[in-house]
Amino acid sequence: MIAHLKGKITEKFGNSLIIDVNGVGYEVTVPTPDFEAVHLDEERKFYTYHAVRENAEDLYGFSTLAAKKIFELLISVQGIGPKAAIAILSLAEAEEVRNAIANADAVFIAKASGVGKKSAERVIVDLRDKVGIPSHYGATEAKFKKADEPDEALDALIALGFPLKEATAALEKVATDLPVEERVRLALKNS
C-alpha cells in the first residue's frame, strides 16, 4: 500500500497529476480543489489511496489525511466507487463535504458528476453517523471554498488512530485559535 507521496508536480491534466518522486513519476487523481491548488514544479505531499482492481491500479491523492478518510468512507457505500467519491470531494473542500453529509444535504451530494439522487441519499444514510457533527448548519453551496488552512489538529488525531467522527467531536470544544499542538493536547484530554 502506498500511504503518501512527496515529490515535484511535473504535469497536470484532467484531474490528475504526475508527481516525480526521486525520478519515478506517479499518476495521481485528485479532487478538483487539490488540483487547482497545485502548481507545476512545486514540491507537494499527498496522502494516497491505492485502488487495485482486476484490470487496473489507480492512485487517488488528497492534500489532507481527513480528506483521504472521507474518501475511504465514501467508497464503503454501496454503488459509490473511487471515481464517484472523487467527484463528490470535487464539489468543495473536504470539510464542506463532511459537513454536507453530517447535515444530510443530499441535494449537494447529488450535484457530483455521476452521482444521482438515490446514491446521494444512500451516502447520507450510510455515513451521517460516521462523519461527526456538523461544523455549521444549513445547506451547503456547490462552490470551491478554500480553507484558510487544513485542520492539522484533525489530521493529527486521525494519524493517532481516532476515527473521523471521534476526532471531530474531540476538537469541537477546543478553540481554533490555539496552536496545533495545544489543540491536539486538549482534544486528547477531553476525549
C-alpha atoms as a PDB file:
ATOM      1  CA  MET A   1       0.000   0.000   0.000  1.00  0.00           C
ATOM      2  CA  ILE A   2       1.281   3.450  -0.892  1.00  0.00           C
ATOM      3  CA  ALA A   3       0.315   5.700   2.036  1.00  0.00           C
ATOM      4  CA  HIS A   4       1.629   9.015   0.718  1.00  0.00           C
ATOM      5  CA  LEU A   5       3.809  10.569  -1.957  1.00  0.00           C
ATOM      6  CA  LYS A   6       6.023  13.614  -1.669  1.00  0.00           C
ATOM      7  CA  GLY A   7       7.584  14.998  -4.788  1.00  0.00           C
ATOM      8  CA  LYS A   8       7.589  17.594  -7.539  1.00  0.00           C
ATOM      9  CA  ILE A   9       4.480  18.170  -9.661  1.00  0.00           C
ATOM     10  CA  THR A  10       5.705  17.708 -13.238  1.00  0.00           C
ATOM     11  CA  GLU A  11       2.405  17.530 -15.164  1.00  0.00           C
ATOM     12  CA  LYS A  12      -1.265  18.423 -14.696  1.00  0.00           C
ATOM     13  CA  PHE A  13      -4.115  17.133 -16.868  1.00  0.00           C
ATOM     14  CA  GLY A  14      -7.791  16.359 -16.323  1.00  0.00           C
ATOM     15  CA  ASN A  15      -7.943  15.877 -12.568  1.00  0.00           C
ATOM     16  CA  SER A  16      -4.630  14.027 -12.491  1.00  0.00           C
ATOM     17  CA  LEU A  17      -1.117  14.996 -11.529  1.00  0.00           C
ATOM     18  CA  ILE A  18       2.211  13.406 -12.304  1.00  0.00           C
ATOM     19  CA  ILE A  19       4.302  13.514  -9.139  1.00  0.00           C
ATOM     20  CA  ASP A  20       8.025  12.885  -9.614  1.00  0.00           C
ATOM     21  CA  VAL A  21       9.387  11.070  -6.568  1.00  0.00           C
ATOM     22  CA  ASN A  22      13.140  10.590  -6.973  1.00  0.00           C
ATOM     23  CA  GLY A  23      12.879  10.041 -10.722  1.00  0.00           C
ATOM     24  CA  VAL A  24       9.724   7.886 -10.675  1.00  0.00           C
ATOM     25  CA  GLY A  25       6.546   9.554 -11.948  1.00  0.00           C
ATOM     26  CA  TYR A  26       3.297   8.568 -10.235  1.00  0.00           C
ATOM     27  CA  GLU A  27      -0.040   9.468 -11.817  1.00  0.00           C
ATOM     28  CA  VAL A  28      -2.418  10.521  -9.055  1.00  0.00           C
ATOM     29  CA  THR A  29      -6.073  11.503  -9.463  1.00  0.00           C
ATOM     30  CA  VAL A  30      -7.036  14.277  -7.050  1.00  0.00           C
ATOM     31  CA  PRO A  31     -10.234  16.206  -6.210  1.00  0.00           C
ATOM     32  CA  THR A  32     -10.663  19.498  -8.074  1.00  0.00           C
ATOM     33  CA  PRO A  33      -9.826  21.777  -5.091  1.00  0.00           C
ATOM     34  CA  ASP A  34      -6.467  19.986  -4.654  1.00  0.00           C
ATOM     35  CA  PHE A  35      -5.846  20.033  -8.422  1.00  0.00           C
ATOM     36  CA  GLU A  36      -6.395  23.775  -8.632  1.00  0.00           C
ATOM     37  CA  ALA A  37      -4.245  24.469  -5.568  1.00  0.00           C
ATOM     38  CA  VAL A  38      -1.036  22.960  -7.011  1.00  0.00           C
ATOM     39  CA  HIS A  39       1.385  24.477  -9.484  1.00  0.00           C
ATOM     40  CA  LEU A  40       3.924  22.857 -11.797  1.00  0.00           C
ATOM     41  CA  ASP A  41       7.420  22.332 -10.360  1.00  0.00           C
ATOM     42  CA  GLU A  42       6.048  22.678  -6.835  1.00  0.00           C
ATOM     43  CA  GLU A  43       7.019  20.156  -4.138  1.00  0.00           C
ATOM     44  CA  ARG A  44       3.854  18.675  -2.556  1.00  0.00           C
ATOM     45  CA  LYS A  45       2.793  15.802  -0.333  1.00  0.00           C
ATOM     46  CA  PHE A  46      -0.386  13.841  -0.995  1.00  0.00           C
ATOM     47  CA  TYR A  47      -1.943  11.119   1.143  1.00  0.00           C
ATOM     48  CA  THR A  48      -2.858   8.360  -1.263  1.00  0.00           C
ATOM     49  CA  TYR A  49      -5.354   5.575  -1.678  1.00  0.00           C
ATOM     50  CA  HIS A  50      -4.109   2.730  -3.882  1.00  0.00           C
ATOM     51  CA  ALA A  51      -7.077   1.113  -5.652  1.00  0.00           C
ATOM     52  CA  VAL A  52      -6.313  -2.295  -7.130  1.00  0.00           C
ATOM     53  CA  ARG A  53      -8.861  -3.827  -9.468  1.00  0.00           C
ATOM     54  CA  GLU A  54      -8.783  -6.784 -11.788  1.00  0.00           C
ATOM     55  CA  ASN A  55      -7.681  -4.726 -14.790  1.00  0.00           C
ATOM     56  CA  ALA A  56      -6.155  -1.557 -13.295  1.00  0.00           C
ATOM     57  CA  GLU A  57      -4.254   0.021 -10.433  1.00  0.00           C
ATOM     58  CA  ASP A  58      -5.050   3.649  -9.640  1.00  0.00           C
ATOM     59  CA  LEU A  59      -3.721   6.150  -7.125  1.00  0.00           C
ATOM     60  CA  TYR A  60      -6.021   8.769  -5.614  1.00  0.00           C
ATOM     61  CA  GLY A  61      -4.407  11.647  -3.737  1.00  0.00           C
ATOM     62  CA  PHE A  62      -5.531  14.088  -1.049  1.00  0.00           C
ATOM     63  CA  SER A  63      -3.820  17.096   0.496  1.00  0.00           C
ATOM     64  CA  THR A  64      -5.105  16.184   3.974  1.00  0.00           C
ATOM     65  CA  LEU A  65      -5.498  12.946   5.879  1.00  0.00           C
ATOM     66  CA  ALA A  66      -9.090  13.936   6.730  1.00  0.00           C
ATOM     67  CA  ALA A  67      -9.946  14.119   3.003  1.00  0.00           C
ATOM     68  CA  LYS A  68      -8.487  10.634   2.495  1.00  0.00           C
ATOM     69  CA  LYS A  69     -10.593   9.271   5.363  1.00  0.00           C
ATOM     70  CA  ILE A  70     -13.749  10.837   3.882  1.00  0.00           C
ATOM     71  CA  PHE A  71     -12.841   9.247   0.523  1.00  0.00           C
ATOM     72  CA  GLU A  72     -12.470   5.844   2.229  1.00  0.00           C
ATOM     73  CA  LEU A  73     -15.859   6.282   3.904  1.00  0.00           C
ATOM     74  CA  LEU A  74     -17.453   7.269   0.582  1.00  0.00           C
ATOM     75  CA  ILE A  75     -16.158   4.198  -1.276  1.00  0.00           C
ATOM     76  CA  SER A  76     -17.511   1.988   1.512  1.00  0.00           C
ATOM     77  CA  VAL A  77     -21.035   2.984   0.414  1.00  0.00           C
ATOM     78  CA  GLN A  78     -22.643   0.529  -1.993  1.00  0.00           C
ATOM     79  CA  GLY A  79     -22.683   1.989  -5.506  1.00  0.00           C
ATOM     80  CA  ILE A  80     -20.024   4.635  -4.830  1.00  0.00           C
ATOM     81  CA  GLY A  81     -16.706   3.810  -6.431  1.00  0.00           C
ATOM     82  CA  PRO A  82     -13.473   5.793  -6.414  1.00  0.00           C
ATOM     83  CA  LYS A  83     -14.480   7.986  -9.385  1.00  0.00           C
ATOM     84  CA  ALA A  84     -17.802   8.935  -7.776  1.00  0.00           C
ATOM     85  CA  ALA A  85     -16.051   9.585  -4.449  1.00  0.00           C
ATOM     86  CA  ILE A  86     -13.558  11.907  -6.179  1.00  0.00           C
ATOM     87  CA  ALA A  87     -16.495  13.652  -7.897  1.00  0.00           C
ATOM     88  CA  ILE A  88     -18.154  14.208  -4.502  1.00  0.00           C
ATOM     89  CA  LEU A  89     -14.913  15.524  -2.987  1.00  0.00           C
ATOM     90  CA  SER A  90     -14.531  17.798  -6.024  1.00  0.00           C
ATOM     91  CA  LEU A  91     -17.686  19.707  -5.068  1.00  0.00           C
ATOM     92  CA  ALA A  92     -15.890  21.686  -2.339  1.00  0.00           C
ATOM     93  CA  GLU A  93     -13.182  21.357   0.283  1.00  0.00           C
ATOM     94  CA  ALA A  94     -13.258  18.094   2.274  1.00  0.00           C
ATOM     95  CA  GLU A  95     -14.620  19.800   5.407  1.00  0.00           C
ATOM     96  CA  GLU A  96     -17.558  21.206   3.422  1.00  0.00           C
ATOM     97  CA  VAL A  97     -18.314  17.731   2.011  1.00  0.00           C
ATOM     98  CA  ARG A  98     -18.110  16.221   5.515  1.00  0.00           C
ATOM     99  CA  ASN A  99     -20.397  18.956   6.786  1.00  0.00           C
ATOM    100  CA  ALA A 100     -22.899  18.347   3.952  1.00  0.00           C
ATOM    101  CA  ILE A 101     -23.052  14.652   4.867  1.00  0.00           C
ATOM    102  CA  ALA A 102     -23.453  15.477   8.563  1.00  0.00           C
ATOM    103  CA  ASN A 103     -26.288  17.896   7.683  1.00  0.00           C
ATOM    104  CA  ALA A 104     -27.979  15.269   5.449  1.00  0.00           C
ATOM    105  CA  ASP A 105     -27.665  17.591   2.431  1.00  0.00           C
ATOM    106  CA  ALA A 106     -28.405  15.037  -0.304  1.00  0.00           C
ATOM    107  CA  VAL A 107     -29.076  17.801  -2.850  1.00  0.00           C
ATOM    108  CA  PHE A 108     -25.459  18.971  -2.511  1.00  0.00           C
ATOM    109  CA  ILE A 109     -24.043  15.419  -2.818  1.00  0.00           C
ATOM    110  CA  ALA A 110     -26.225  14.723  -5.874  1.00  0.00           C
ATOM    111  CA  LYS A 111     -24.532  17.625  -7.714  1.00  0.00           C
ATOM    112  CA  ALA A 112     -21.432  15.445  -8.148  1.00  0.00           C
ATOM    113  CA  SER A 113     -20.869  14.079 -11.634  1.00  0.00           C
ATOM    114  CA  GLY A 114     -22.198  10.510 -11.883  1.00  0.00           C
ATOM    115  CA  VAL A 115     -23.990  10.626  -8.517  1.00  0.00           C
ATOM    116  CA  GLY A 116     -27.761  10.527  -8.650  1.00  0.00           C
ATOM    117  CA  LYS A 117     -30.388  11.291  -6.044  1.00  0.00           C
ATOM    118  CA  LYS A 118     -30.628   7.702  -4.764  1.00  0.00           C
ATOM    119  CA  SER A 119     -26.858   7.342  -4.464  1.00  0.00           C
ATOM    120  CA  ALA A 120     -26.641  10.680  -2.634  1.00  0.00           C
ATOM    121  CA  GLU A 121     -29.343   9.553  -0.197  1.00  0.00           C
ATOM    122  CA  ARG A 122     -27.503   6.271   0.356  1.00  0.00           C
ATOM    123  CA  VAL A 123     -24.319   8.224   1.165  1.00  0.00           C
ATOM    124  CA  ILE A 124     -26.249  10.257   3.742  1.00  0.00           C
ATOM    125  CA  VAL A 125     -27.890   7.208   5.340  1.00  0.00           C
ATOM    126  CA  ASP A 126     -24.679   5.172   5.491  1.00  0.00           C
ATOM    127  CA  LEU A 127     -22.256   7.916   6.571  1.00  0.00           C
ATOM    128  CA  ARG A 128     -24.173  10.523   8.547  1.00  0.00           C
ATOM    129  CA  ASP A 129     -23.351   8.863  11.865  1.00  0.00           C
ATOM    130  CA  LYS A 130     -19.733   8.214  10.850  1.00  0.00           C
ATOM    131  CA  VAL A 131     -18.575  11.718   9.880  1.00  0.00           C
ATOM    132  CA  GLY A 132     -19.167  13.524  13.164  1.00  0.00           C
ATOM    133  CA  ILE A 133     -21.308  16.513  13.999  1.00  0.00           C
ATOM    134  CA  PRO A 134     -21.790  19.395  11.552  1.00  0.00           C
ATOM    135  CA  SER A 135     -19.380  22.308  11.916  1.00  0.00           C
ATOM    136  CA  HIS A 136     -22.217  24.587  10.797  1.00  0.00           C
ATOM    137  CA  TYR A 137     -25.835  24.026   9.888  1.00  0.00           C
ATOM    138  CA  GLY A 138     -27.726  24.744   6.700  1.00  0.00           C
ATOM    139  CA  ALA A 139     -27.456  23.884   3.028  1.00  0.00           C
ATOM    140  CA  THR A 140     -24.008  23.644   1.507  1.00  0.00           C
ATOM    141  CA  GLU A 141     -23.306  25.582  -1.669  1.00  0.00           C
ATOM    142  CA  ALA A 142     -21.521  23.809  -4.521  1.00  0.00           C
ATOM    143  CA  LYS A 143     -18.526  26.034  -4.954  1.00  0.00           C
ATOM    144  CA  PHE A 144     -14.864  25.786  -4.206  1.00  0.00           C
ATOM    145  CA  LYS A 145     -14.271  27.126  -0.778  1.00  0.00           C
ATOM    146  CA  LYS A 146     -10.618  27.450   0.021  1.00  0.00           C
ATOM    147  CA  ALA A 147      -9.966  26.601   3.611  1.00  0.00           C
ATOM    148  CA  ASP A 148      -7.637  29.102   5.259  1.00  0.00           C
ATOM    149  CA  GLU A 149      -5.528  26.205   6.450  1.00  0.00           C
ATOM    150  CA  PRO A 150      -6.197  22.475   6.522  1.00  0.00           C
ATOM    151  CA  ASP A 151      -7.058  21.427  10.062  1.00  0.00           C
ATOM    152  CA  GLU A 152      -3.726  19.973  11.117  1.00  0.00           C
ATOM    153  CA  ALA A 153      -5.108  19.072  14.544  1.00  0.00           C
ATOM    154  CA  LEU A 154      -7.816  16.937  12.920  1.00  0.00           C
ATOM    155  CA  ASP A 155      -5.188  15.263  10.721  1.00  0.00           C
ATOM    156  CA  ALA A 156      -3.011  14.637  13.801  1.00  0.00           C
ATOM    157  CA  LEU A 157      -5.852  12.964  15.726  1.00  0.00           C
ATOM    158  CA  ILE A 158      -6.680  10.776  12.724  1.00  0.00           C
ATOM    159  CA  ALA A 159      -2.989   9.842  12.422  1.00  0.00           C
ATOM    160  CA  LEU A 160      -3.107   8.851  16.104  1.00  0.00           C
ATOM    161  CA  GLY A 161      -5.877   6.386  15.276  1.00  0.00           C
ATOM    162  CA  PHE A 162      -9.029   8.348  16.070  1.00  0.00           C
ATOM    163  CA  PRO A 163     -11.955   7.685  13.707  1.00  0.00           C
ATOM    164  CA  LEU A 164     -13.101  10.826  11.860  1.00  0.00           C
ATOM    165  CA  LYS A 165     -16.272  11.132  13.971  1.00  0.00           C
ATOM    166  CA  GLU A 166     -14.435  10.946  17.304  1.00  0.00           C
ATOM    167  CA  ALA A 167     -11.651  13.277  16.139  1.00  0.00           C
ATOM    168  CA  THR A 168     -14.217  15.867  15.045  1.00  0.00           C
ATOM    169  CA  ALA A 169     -16.107  15.558  18.336  1.00  0.00           C
ATOM    170  CA  ALA A 170     -12.891  15.853  20.387  1.00  0.00           C
ATOM    171  CA  LEU A 171     -11.954  19.105  18.620  1.00  0.00           C
ATOM    172  CA  GLU A 172     -15.448  20.601  18.819  1.00  0.00           C
ATOM    173  CA  LYS A 173     -14.921  22.228  22.226  1.00  0.00           C
ATOM    174  CA  VAL A 174     -11.305  23.288  21.602  1.00  0.00           C
ATOM    175  CA  ALA A 175     -10.640  26.862  20.470  1.00  0.00           C
ATOM    176  CA  THR A 176      -9.463  27.058  16.861  1.00  0.00           C
ATOM    177  CA  ASP A 177      -7.062  29.948  17.501  1.00  0.00           C
ATOM    178  CA  LEU A 178      -4.719  27.843  19.660  1.00  0.00           C
ATOM    179  CA  PRO A 179      -1.534  26.310  18.252  1.00  0.00           C
ATOM    180  CA  VAL A 180      -1.980  22.860  16.674  1.00  0.00           C
ATOM    181  CA  GLU A 181      -0.066  21.063  19.456  1.00  0.00           C
ATOM    182  CA  GLU A 182      -2.226  22.673  22.142  1.00  0.00           C
ATOM    183  CA  ARG A 183      -5.449  21.823  20.263  1.00  0.00           C
ATOM    184  CA  VAL A 184      -4.367  18.177  19.980  1.00  0.00           C
ATOM    185  CA  ARG A 185      -3.359  18.032  23.651  1.00  0.00           C
ATOM    186  CA  LEU A 186      -6.693  19.498  24.790  1.00  0.00           C
ATOM    187  CA  ALA A 187      -8.662  17.218  22.445  1.00  0.00           C
ATOM    188  CA  LEU A 188      -6.847  14.185  23.846  1.00  0.00           C
ATOM    189  CA  LYS A 189      -7.511  15.362  27.378  1.00  0.00           C
ATOM    190  CA  ASN A 190     -11.236  15.882  26.686  1.00  0.00           C
ATOM    191  CA  SER A 191     -11.792  12.582  24.893  1.00  0.00           C
END
